[in-house]
Amino acid sequence: MRICIRKHSSLILLAVVAIAVASAIVLAKVSKGLSWFYLASPWNWASSFGPFSSLPYSSDHAIDKRKQKEKEFINLEMIFHNNDSVLKRGKPRDERLEKVEASLARARALIREAILNPNSTLDLQDLDYVPQGNIYRNAHAFHRSHLLMEKMFKIFVYEEGVPRLYHYGTCKNIYSMEGLFISMMEQDKKNRILNPDKALVYFLSFSVVMILEHLFDPIIRDKAVMERTVVDYVRIISHKYPYWNRSIGVDHFMLSCHDWGPLATWYLKELYYNAIQVLCNANTSEYFNPKKDASLPEINLKTGETVNLTGSLPPSNRSVLAFFAGNLYHGKIRAVQLKHWKGKDKDVQIYERLPQGLLYDDMMKKSKYCLCPSGHEVAIPRIVEPIYAECVPVLISQHYILPVSDVLNWDSFSVQVPVSEIPNL
């Protein structure tokens, strides 16, 4: 299997995902006082009990029944938060899980302590970097959670699955983050653990990009191939290991940067409602749940490397006020932008195709503001590209949860424009 990780800077991606997933695990359901380990169930993954039953074996049914899904989601929330739930009458907790719960409780307490008392210290030390500044929602909480993550956050990777669909992903296109993370987990020795009994979370290492590349027929366009692959995968690991059935998937996570990433989990309710989804396409209109899911930045790595991407001109040498280049008919938002902004102001340069002699990267480095309208899907690599070029990103989207927004204060380094305000600018 070809590994596409070569540079140490790729560890940043692992840290981003680890922090995002750790936040979901450590902070989940604190306000309700209900631990996710309390969801241990005597029923297997294919149980027909209430909202945990599997979806009918039809991709069209899974996609079209959105109102039914909303009702099921409400029912699931009620079951999770109801102290008299039948789930509490399941199997008793074991001693190992009690220890894990205690460690998570200590982690939550230490993070709260960092918020209330910024001068508090830990035995852990991080001499390389201490975060500060208003780009963070709370730099002290972030620093404390990062140190705790490095100490206690352990991931078990299921080894089942053939490499062309699992344990591998593409690393040289718009979906690079998916392939990079999967490849990193294959060779990670710090966060990955081989003993599943000592893991905090469990990684489902299927690649949506590779499933579609190898199994999806662009003519027939049968999305059921993704359904069969994902459902069979969960069936195998749930029969071979006890961990999925123990928590009904709550301590499991998947990661995808494909536009159809959210669709991959629709076919199995436990995966869809319970498991943590780390997605580039973090769209709340497609039931991305920021209480448990994590938004990942989408980066187009044309060479497969995360180095030599930065570099810019000083503000005084930037001659363009605002810039955009791309398909102006790719989604409704860009069509509105085209109607109201293109050709109306010489300082706002909008192109569907760049004129000969102009380079996309150079134009961003010459611009003060870089327009970032969503296309058909909310995730776009141009949200990250302006940051590399030190151009202020102007974010224009709907239903999009910004990457790592539980840590980063996006208001401090970006401009967010509601779609309804485009005509007024």
Protein backbone atom coordinates (compact mmCIF):
# COMPACT_ATOMS: atom_id res chain seq x y z
CA MET A 1 0.00 0.00 0.00
CA ARG A 2 1.36 3.39 -0.94
CA ILE A 3 1.66 5.85 1.91
CA CYS A 4 1.34 9.50 0.91
CA ILE A 5 2.71 11.11 4.08
CA ARG A 6 6.16 12.59 3.74
CA LYS A 7 6.27 15.82 5.70
CA HIS A 8 6.07 16.45 9.43
CA SER A 9 3.58 19.25 8.78
CA SER A 10 1.00 16.56 8.12
CA LEU A 11 0.91 16.02 11.87
CA ILE A 12 -1.09 19.24 12.05
CA LEU A 13 -3.98 17.45 10.36
CA LEU A 14 -3.82 14.62 12.88
CA ALA A 15 -3.87 17.15 15.71
CA VAL A 16 -6.86 18.99 14.21
CA VAL A 17 -8.89 15.81 13.83
CA ALA A 18 -7.82 14.46 17.21
CA ILE A 19 -8.80 17.69 18.98
CA ALA A 20 -12.12 17.78 17.14
CA VAL A 21 -12.98 14.17 17.97
CA ALA A 22 -11.66 14.47 21.51
CA SER A 23 -13.84 17.54 22.07
CA ALA A 24 -16.87 15.60 20.92
CA ILE A 25 -16.07 12.75 23.31
CA VAL A 26 -14.93 14.79 26.32
CA LEU A 27 -17.61 17.46 26.18
CA ALA A 28 -20.54 15.38 24.91
CA LYS A 29 -23.71 15.58 26.98
CA VAL A 30 -22.07 17.40 29.87
CA SER A 31 -25.11 19.62 30.34
CA LYS A 32 -27.39 16.61 30.54
CA GLY A 33 -25.19 14.67 32.90
CA LEU A 34 -25.63 11.60 30.73
CA SER A 35 -22.51 9.75 29.75
CA TRP A 36 -22.25 8.23 26.30
CA PHE A 37 -21.10 4.99 27.90
CA TYR A 38 -24.54 4.73 29.45
CA LEU A 39 -25.82 3.82 25.99
CA ALA A 40 -24.55 0.27 26.20
CA SER A 41 -27.21 -1.94 24.69
CA PRO A 42 -28.00 -5.64 24.74
CA TRP A 43 -29.23 -5.39 21.16
CA ASN A 44 -26.93 -5.91 18.22
CA TRP A 45 -26.35 -3.37 15.45
CA ALA A 46 -29.23 -4.62 13.32
CA SER A 47 -31.81 -4.52 16.07
CA SER A 48 -35.33 -3.55 15.12
CA PHE A 49 -35.87 -1.79 18.43
CA GLY A 50 -37.41 1.62 17.94
CA PRO A 51 -35.27 4.31 16.32
CA PHE A 52 -32.19 2.09 16.32
CA SER A 53 -33.52 -0.21 13.61
CA SER A 54 -31.64 -0.20 10.31
CA LEU A 55 -33.00 1.69 7.33
CA PRO A 56 -34.78 -0.32 4.64
CA TYR A 57 -32.34 -1.57 2.05
CA SER A 58 -32.99 1.17 -0.47
CA SER A 59 -30.82 4.23 -1.05
CA ASP A 60 -33.74 6.21 -2.50
CA HIS A 61 -35.78 5.54 0.59
CA ALA A 62 -32.91 6.65 2.81
CA ILE A 63 -32.46 9.92 0.95
CA ASP A 64 -36.09 10.93 0.34
CA LYS A 65 -37.57 10.34 3.80
CA ARG A 66 -36.17 13.52 5.33
CA LYS A 67 -39.24 14.32 7.43
CA GLN A 68 -39.18 10.84 8.83
CA LYS A 69 -35.50 11.31 9.70
CA GLU A 70 -36.29 14.51 11.58
CA LYS A 71 -38.91 12.67 13.61
CA GLU A 72 -36.49 9.83 14.29
CA PHE A 73 -33.79 12.29 15.33
CA ILE A 74 -36.16 13.88 17.85
CA ASN A 75 -37.10 10.46 19.17
CA LEU A 76 -33.43 9.53 19.50
CA GLU A 77 -32.66 12.71 21.42
CA MET A 78 -35.54 11.96 23.78
CA ILE A 79 -34.22 8.45 24.41
CA PHE A 80 -30.69 9.74 25.05
CA HIS A 81 -31.86 12.35 27.55
CA ASN A 82 -34.65 10.45 29.29
CA ASN A 83 -33.49 9.15 32.66
CA ASP A 84 -36.15 6.45 32.56
CA SER A 85 -35.02 5.21 29.16
CA VAL A 86 -35.00 1.50 28.52
CA LEU A 87 -31.31 1.92 27.65
CA LYS A 88 -30.53 2.43 31.32
CA ARG A 89 -31.89 -1.02 31.99
CA GLY A 90 -29.29 -2.57 29.70
CA LYS A 91 -26.13 -4.33 30.70
CA PRO A 92 -24.32 -2.98 33.79
CA ARG A 93 -21.18 -0.96 33.33
CA ASP A 94 -17.89 -2.77 33.62
CA GLU A 95 -14.90 -1.63 35.65
CA ARG A 96 -12.83 -0.57 32.64
CA LEU A 97 -15.57 1.72 31.36
CA GLU A 98 -15.94 3.23 34.80
CA LYS A 99 -12.23 4.13 34.72
CA VAL A 100 -12.58 5.66 31.27
CA GLU A 101 -15.56 7.70 32.43
CA ALA A 102 -13.59 8.90 35.44
CA SER A 103 -10.68 9.99 33.22
CA LEU A 104 -13.06 11.90 30.94
CA ALA A 105 -14.63 13.59 33.94
CA ARG A 106 -11.17 14.67 35.15
CA ALA A 107 -10.38 16.01 31.68
CA ARG A 108 -13.57 18.07 31.65
CA ALA A 109 -12.76 19.43 35.10
CA LEU A 110 -9.23 20.41 34.05
CA ILE A 111 -10.51 22.19 30.95
CA ARG A 112 -13.05 24.11 33.05
CA GLU A 113 -10.25 24.99 35.48
CA ALA A 114 -8.20 26.45 32.61
CA ILE A 115 -11.17 28.65 31.68
CA LEU A 116 -11.80 29.86 35.23
CA ASN A 117 -8.15 30.08 36.28
CA PRO A 118 -5.83 30.76 33.30
CA ASN A 119 -2.77 30.68 35.57
CA SER A 120 -3.39 27.10 36.65
CA THR A 121 -0.75 24.62 35.56
CA LEU A 122 -0.51 20.96 34.67
CA ASP A 123 2.24 18.43 35.07
CA LEU A 124 2.20 18.38 31.27
CA GLN A 125 4.42 20.93 29.57
CA ASP A 126 4.36 22.26 26.03
CA LEU A 127 7.43 24.38 25.43
CA ASP A 128 6.97 24.54 21.66
CA TYR A 129 3.89 26.71 21.56
CA VAL A 130 1.47 28.37 23.94
CA PRO A 131 -1.58 29.69 22.06
CA GLN A 132 -2.65 33.26 22.61
CA GLY A 133 -4.60 35.97 20.86
CA ASN A 134 -8.18 36.58 19.82
CA ILE A 135 -8.13 34.03 16.99
CA TYR A 136 -9.03 31.48 19.69
CA ARG A 137 -12.38 31.30 21.43
CA ASN A 138 -10.48 30.52 24.61
CA ALA A 139 -6.74 30.01 24.24
CA HIS A 140 -6.35 28.58 27.75
CA ALA A 141 -9.06 25.97 27.26
CA PHE A 142 -7.63 25.04 23.87
CA HIS A 143 -4.11 24.69 25.25
CA ARG A 144 -5.29 22.56 28.17
CA SER A 145 -7.43 20.33 25.93
CA HIS A 146 -4.52 19.90 23.51
CA LEU A 147 -2.17 18.78 26.28
CA LEU A 148 -4.77 16.36 27.60
CA MET A 149 -5.39 15.06 24.11
CA GLU A 150 -1.71 14.29 23.62
CA LYS A 151 -1.58 12.45 26.94
CA MET A 152 -4.79 10.41 26.98
CA PHE A 153 -6.44 10.37 23.56
CA LYS A 154 -6.00 6.92 22.01
CA ILE A 155 -7.55 5.68 18.76
CA PHE A 156 -8.11 2.10 17.70
CA VAL A 157 -8.24 1.53 13.93
CA TYR A 158 -10.22 -1.46 12.72
CA GLU A 159 -7.96 -3.43 10.38
CA GLU A 160 -10.76 -5.11 8.44
CA GLY A 161 -11.26 -4.20 4.78
CA VAL A 162 -9.30 -4.36 1.53
CA PRO A 163 -6.78 -1.51 1.03
CA ARG A 164 -8.29 -0.10 -2.13
CA LEU A 165 -11.49 0.83 -0.25
CA TYR A 166 -10.16 1.00 3.32
CA HIS A 167 -6.94 2.20 4.98
CA TYR A 168 -6.04 4.29 1.92
CA GLY A 169 -7.14 7.44 0.15
CA THR A 170 -6.16 9.85 -2.56
CA CYS A 171 -3.72 12.59 -1.53
CA LYS A 172 -3.37 14.83 -4.60
CA ASN A 173 -6.72 16.49 -5.21
CA ILE A 174 -9.57 18.32 -3.55
CA TYR A 175 -10.20 15.33 -1.27
CA SER A 176 -6.60 15.21 0.00
CA MET A 177 -7.47 15.63 3.68
CA GLU A 178 -9.40 12.37 3.67
CA GLY A 179 -6.51 10.41 2.18
CA LEU A 180 -3.89 12.11 4.33
CA PHE A 181 -5.67 11.34 7.57
CA ILE A 182 -6.37 7.72 6.68
CA SER A 183 -2.74 7.24 5.64
CA MET A 184 -1.47 8.96 8.78
CA MET A 185 -3.52 6.70 11.00
CA GLU A 186 -1.99 3.68 9.27
CA GLN A 187 1.49 4.67 10.44
CA ASP A 188 0.76 6.70 13.57
CA LYS A 189 2.52 5.52 16.74
CA LYS A 190 1.42 8.21 19.17
CA ASN A 191 -2.36 8.36 19.08
CA ARG A 192 -3.09 4.99 17.51
CA ILE A 193 -3.26 2.06 19.91
CA LEU A 194 -3.30 -1.63 19.05
CA ASN A 195 -5.19 -2.75 22.15
CA PRO A 196 -8.85 -1.81 21.58
CA ASP A 197 -9.67 -2.20 25.28
CA LYS A 198 -7.50 0.86 26.00
CA ALA A 199 -8.91 3.08 23.24
CA LEU A 200 -11.15 6.10 23.78
CA VAL A 201 -12.48 6.10 20.22
CA TYR A 202 -12.60 3.72 17.27
CA PHE A 203 -11.89 4.79 13.70
CA LEU A 204 -13.92 3.41 10.81
CA SER A 205 -11.28 3.58 8.08
CA PHE A 206 -13.43 3.36 4.95
CA SER A 207 -12.79 5.98 2.28
CA VAL A 208 -15.86 7.43 0.57
CA VAL A 209 -13.63 8.74 -2.23
CA MET A 210 -12.15 5.31 -2.94
CA ILE A 211 -15.50 3.51 -2.68
CA LEU A 212 -16.95 5.80 -5.33
CA GLU A 213 -13.82 5.65 -7.49
CA HIS A 214 -13.74 1.86 -7.61
CA LEU A 215 -17.39 0.81 -7.27
CA PHE A 216 -19.58 3.67 -8.50
CA ASP A 217 -20.69 3.52 -12.14
CA PRO A 218 -21.06 7.10 -13.47
CA ILE A 219 -23.60 5.92 -16.05
CA ILE A 220 -25.82 3.76 -13.85
CA ARG A 221 -25.26 6.12 -10.87
CA ASP A 222 -26.37 3.56 -8.31
CA LYS A 223 -25.49 4.98 -4.90
CA ALA A 224 -26.48 1.70 -3.28
CA VAL A 225 -22.90 0.49 -3.77
CA MET A 226 -21.87 2.87 -0.99
CA GLU A 227 -24.74 1.62 1.14
CA ARG A 228 -23.76 -2.02 0.74
CA THR A 229 -20.08 -1.32 1.41
CA VAL A 230 -20.58 0.76 4.56
CA VAL A 231 -23.37 -1.39 6.03
CA ASP A 232 -21.40 -4.61 5.45
CA TYR A 233 -18.33 -3.04 7.04
CA VAL A 234 -20.20 -2.08 10.21
CA ARG A 235 -21.84 -5.52 10.29
CA ILE A 236 -18.43 -7.21 10.20
CA ILE A 237 -16.82 -5.12 12.94
CA SER A 238 -19.94 -5.30 15.13
CA HIS A 239 -19.92 -9.10 14.95
CA LYS A 240 -16.17 -9.46 15.46
CA TYR A 241 -15.71 -6.88 18.25
CA PRO A 242 -17.89 -5.85 21.21
CA TYR A 243 -17.21 -2.11 21.00
CA TRP A 244 -19.80 -1.04 18.43
CA ASN A 245 -22.70 -2.80 20.16
CA ARG A 246 -21.53 -1.61 23.57
CA SER A 247 -22.07 2.07 22.76
CA ILE A 248 -24.29 1.76 19.67
CA GLY A 249 -21.50 3.53 17.77
CA VAL A 250 -21.23 6.65 19.93
CA ASP A 251 -17.49 6.23 20.52
CA HIS A 252 -16.77 5.55 16.82
CA PHE A 253 -15.92 8.08 14.14
CA MET A 254 -15.59 8.29 10.38
CA LEU A 255 -13.92 10.94 8.23
CA SER A 256 -14.69 12.12 4.71
CA CYS A 257 -14.03 15.12 2.49
CA HIS A 258 -16.17 13.95 -0.44
CA ASP A 259 -19.37 15.86 -1.19
CA TRP A 260 -21.23 12.63 -0.54
CA GLY A 261 -19.51 12.09 2.80
CA PRO A 262 -22.72 12.79 4.78
CA LEU A 263 -24.59 10.36 2.54
CA ALA A 264 -22.27 7.50 3.51
CA THR A 265 -23.77 7.33 7.00
CA TRP A 266 -27.45 7.65 6.06
CA TYR A 267 -27.90 3.95 5.47
CA LEU A 268 -27.38 2.90 9.07
CA LYS A 269 -29.14 4.83 11.79
CA GLU A 270 -26.63 4.04 14.53
CA LEU A 271 -23.84 5.36 12.32
CA TYR A 272 -25.86 8.37 11.18
CA TYR A 273 -27.24 9.53 14.52
CA ASN A 274 -24.70 8.22 17.02
CA ALA A 275 -21.19 8.06 15.55
CA ILE A 276 -19.00 11.14 15.22
CA GLN A 277 -18.80 12.38 11.65
CA VAL A 278 -15.65 14.34 10.77
CA LEU A 279 -16.65 16.01 7.52
CA CYS A 280 -15.37 18.69 5.19
CA ASN A 281 -18.94 19.07 3.93
CA ALA A 282 -20.28 20.10 7.34
CA ASN A 283 -23.80 21.05 6.27
CA THR A 284 -26.46 21.35 8.96
CA SER A 285 -29.19 21.11 6.32
CA GLU A 286 -27.91 17.56 5.77
CA TYR A 287 -28.12 16.87 9.51
CA PHE A 288 -24.53 17.59 10.43
CA ASN A 289 -24.79 17.88 14.20
CA PRO A 290 -22.22 20.29 15.71
CA LYS A 291 -22.93 18.85 19.18
CA LYS A 292 -21.22 15.60 18.21
CA ASP A 293 -19.72 16.00 14.72
CA ALA A 294 -16.57 17.86 13.66
CA SER A 295 -15.92 20.12 10.68
CA LEU A 296 -12.63 19.60 8.83
CA PRO A 297 -11.04 22.10 6.41
CA GLU A 298 -10.99 21.09 2.76
CA ILE A 299 -7.57 21.66 1.17
CA ASN A 300 -6.69 20.97 -2.45
CA LEU A 301 -3.15 19.56 -2.32
CA LYS A 302 -2.13 19.35 -5.96
CA THR A 303 1.23 17.76 -5.09
CA GLY A 304 0.13 15.79 -2.05
CA GLU A 305 2.29 17.91 0.25
CA THR A 306 1.33 20.44 2.92
CA VAL A 307 4.52 22.51 2.62
CA ASN A 308 5.40 25.64 0.63
CA LEU A 309 1.78 26.81 0.52
CA THR A 310 2.28 30.13 2.30
CA GLY A 311 3.73 33.44 1.13
CA SER A 312 2.22 36.82 0.38
CA LEU A 313 2.69 40.53 -0.23
CA PRO A 314 2.48 43.17 2.52
CA PRO A 315 -0.90 44.97 2.77
CA SER A 316 0.53 48.16 1.26
CA ASN A 317 1.38 46.30 -1.97
CA ARG A 318 -2.04 44.71 -2.44
CA SER A 319 -3.74 46.48 -5.33
CA VAL A 320 -6.99 44.48 -5.48
CA LEU A 321 -9.74 45.09 -2.95
CA ALA A 322 -11.64 41.81 -3.47
CA PHE A 323 -11.08 38.82 -5.76
CA PHE A 324 -12.84 35.67 -6.91
CA ALA A 325 -12.19 33.23 -9.74
CA GLY A 326 -14.20 30.08 -10.35
CA ASN A 327 -17.38 28.61 -11.77
CA LEU A 328 -19.99 31.32 -11.23
CA TYR A 329 -22.87 28.95 -11.97
CA HIS A 330 -21.80 26.34 -9.41
CA GLY A 331 -24.68 26.73 -6.97
CA LYS A 332 -27.23 29.46 -6.23
CA ILE A 333 -24.95 31.64 -4.10
CA ARG A 334 -22.44 32.22 -6.87
CA ALA A 335 -25.21 33.07 -9.31
CA VAL A 336 -26.37 35.83 -6.95
CA GLN A 337 -22.78 37.03 -6.60
CA LEU A 338 -22.41 37.14 -10.39
CA LYS A 339 -25.58 39.17 -10.80
CA HIS A 340 -24.72 41.84 -8.25
CA TRP A 341 -20.93 42.10 -8.27
CA LYS A 342 -19.35 41.12 -11.56
CA GLY A 343 -18.26 44.12 -13.60
CA LYS A 344 -19.82 46.63 -11.20
CA ASP A 345 -16.63 47.84 -9.49
CA LYS A 346 -13.06 47.78 -10.81
CA ASP A 347 -11.77 47.12 -7.29
CA VAL A 348 -13.86 43.93 -7.04
CA GLN A 349 -12.44 41.53 -9.61
CA ILE A 350 -14.63 38.51 -10.34
CA TYR A 351 -13.75 36.01 -13.04
CA GLU A 352 -15.19 32.76 -14.27
CA ARG A 353 -11.92 32.20 -16.12
CA LEU A 354 -8.77 34.13 -15.36
CA PRO A 355 -7.43 36.14 -18.32
CA GLN A 356 -4.22 34.89 -19.85
CA GLY A 357 -1.22 36.04 -17.85
CA LEU A 358 -2.98 36.06 -14.48
CA LEU A 359 -2.33 33.32 -11.93
CA TYR A 360 -4.85 32.33 -9.26
CA ASP A 361 -2.34 32.16 -6.39
CA ASP A 362 -0.75 35.48 -7.37
CA MET A 363 -4.14 37.20 -7.51
CA MET A 364 -4.94 36.09 -3.95
CA LYS A 365 -1.60 37.43 -2.77
CA LYS A 366 -2.39 40.78 -4.43
CA SER A 367 -5.87 40.99 -2.88
CA LYS A 368 -6.99 42.34 0.47
CA TYR A 369 -10.18 40.28 0.55
CA CYS A 370 -10.80 36.91 -1.08
CA LEU A 371 -14.42 36.01 -1.77
CA CYS A 372 -15.35 32.47 -0.68
CA PRO A 373 -18.90 31.66 -1.83
CA SER A 374 -20.06 28.08 -1.40
CA GLY A 375 -20.92 26.06 -4.50
CA HIS A 376 -23.45 23.25 -4.73
CA GLU A 377 -22.02 22.01 -1.42
CA VAL A 378 -20.89 24.12 1.52
CA ALA A 379 -17.27 22.93 1.67
CA ILE A 380 -14.74 24.60 -0.62
CA PRO A 381 -10.92 24.69 -0.49
CA ARG A 382 -10.92 28.44 -1.15
CA ILE A 383 -11.80 29.00 2.54
CA VAL A 384 -8.29 27.85 3.49
CA GLU A 385 -6.42 29.19 0.43
CA PRO A 386 -6.83 32.88 1.40
CA ILE A 387 -5.37 32.15 4.83
CA TYR A 388 -2.24 30.78 3.17
CA ALA A 389 -2.07 33.95 1.07
CA GLU A 390 -2.80 36.20 4.08
CA CYS A 391 -5.89 37.48 2.32
CA VAL A 392 -8.98 38.07 4.48
CA PRO A 393 -11.53 35.36 3.62
CA VAL A 394 -15.04 36.64 2.92
CA LEU A 395 -17.26 33.68 3.76
CA ILE A 396 -20.59 33.47 1.95
CA SER A 397 -22.54 30.31 2.72
CA GLN A 398 -25.63 28.82 4.30
CA HIS A 399 -25.87 25.99 6.85
CA TYR A 400 -22.07 25.66 7.01
CA ILE A 401 -20.26 24.91 10.27
CA LEU A 402 -16.79 26.40 9.85
CA PRO A 403 -13.75 24.15 10.43
CA VAL A 404 -12.61 23.79 14.05
CA SER A 405 -15.06 26.53 15.01
CA ASP A 406 -15.23 25.27 18.59
CA VAL A 407 -11.58 26.36 18.92
CA LEU A 408 -11.12 29.17 16.39
CA ASN A 409 -12.89 32.52 16.56
CA TRP A 410 -13.51 32.97 12.84
CA ASP A 411 -14.97 36.45 13.40
CA SER A 412 -11.49 37.67 14.34
CA PHE A 413 -9.84 36.88 10.98
CA SER A 414 -12.65 36.61 8.43
CA VAL A 415 -15.72 38.43 7.19
CA GLN A 416 -18.98 36.48 7.13
CA VAL A 417 -21.64 37.75 4.75
CA PRO A 418 -25.22 36.41 4.77
CA VAL A 419 -26.46 35.56 1.29
CA SER A 420 -29.30 38.05 1.74
CA GLU A 421 -26.77 40.88 2.11
CA ILE A 422 -25.00 40.32 -1.22
CA PRO A 423 -27.12 42.95 -3.06
CA ASN A 424 -26.37 45.54 -0.37
CA LEU A 425 -22.57 45.40 -0.56
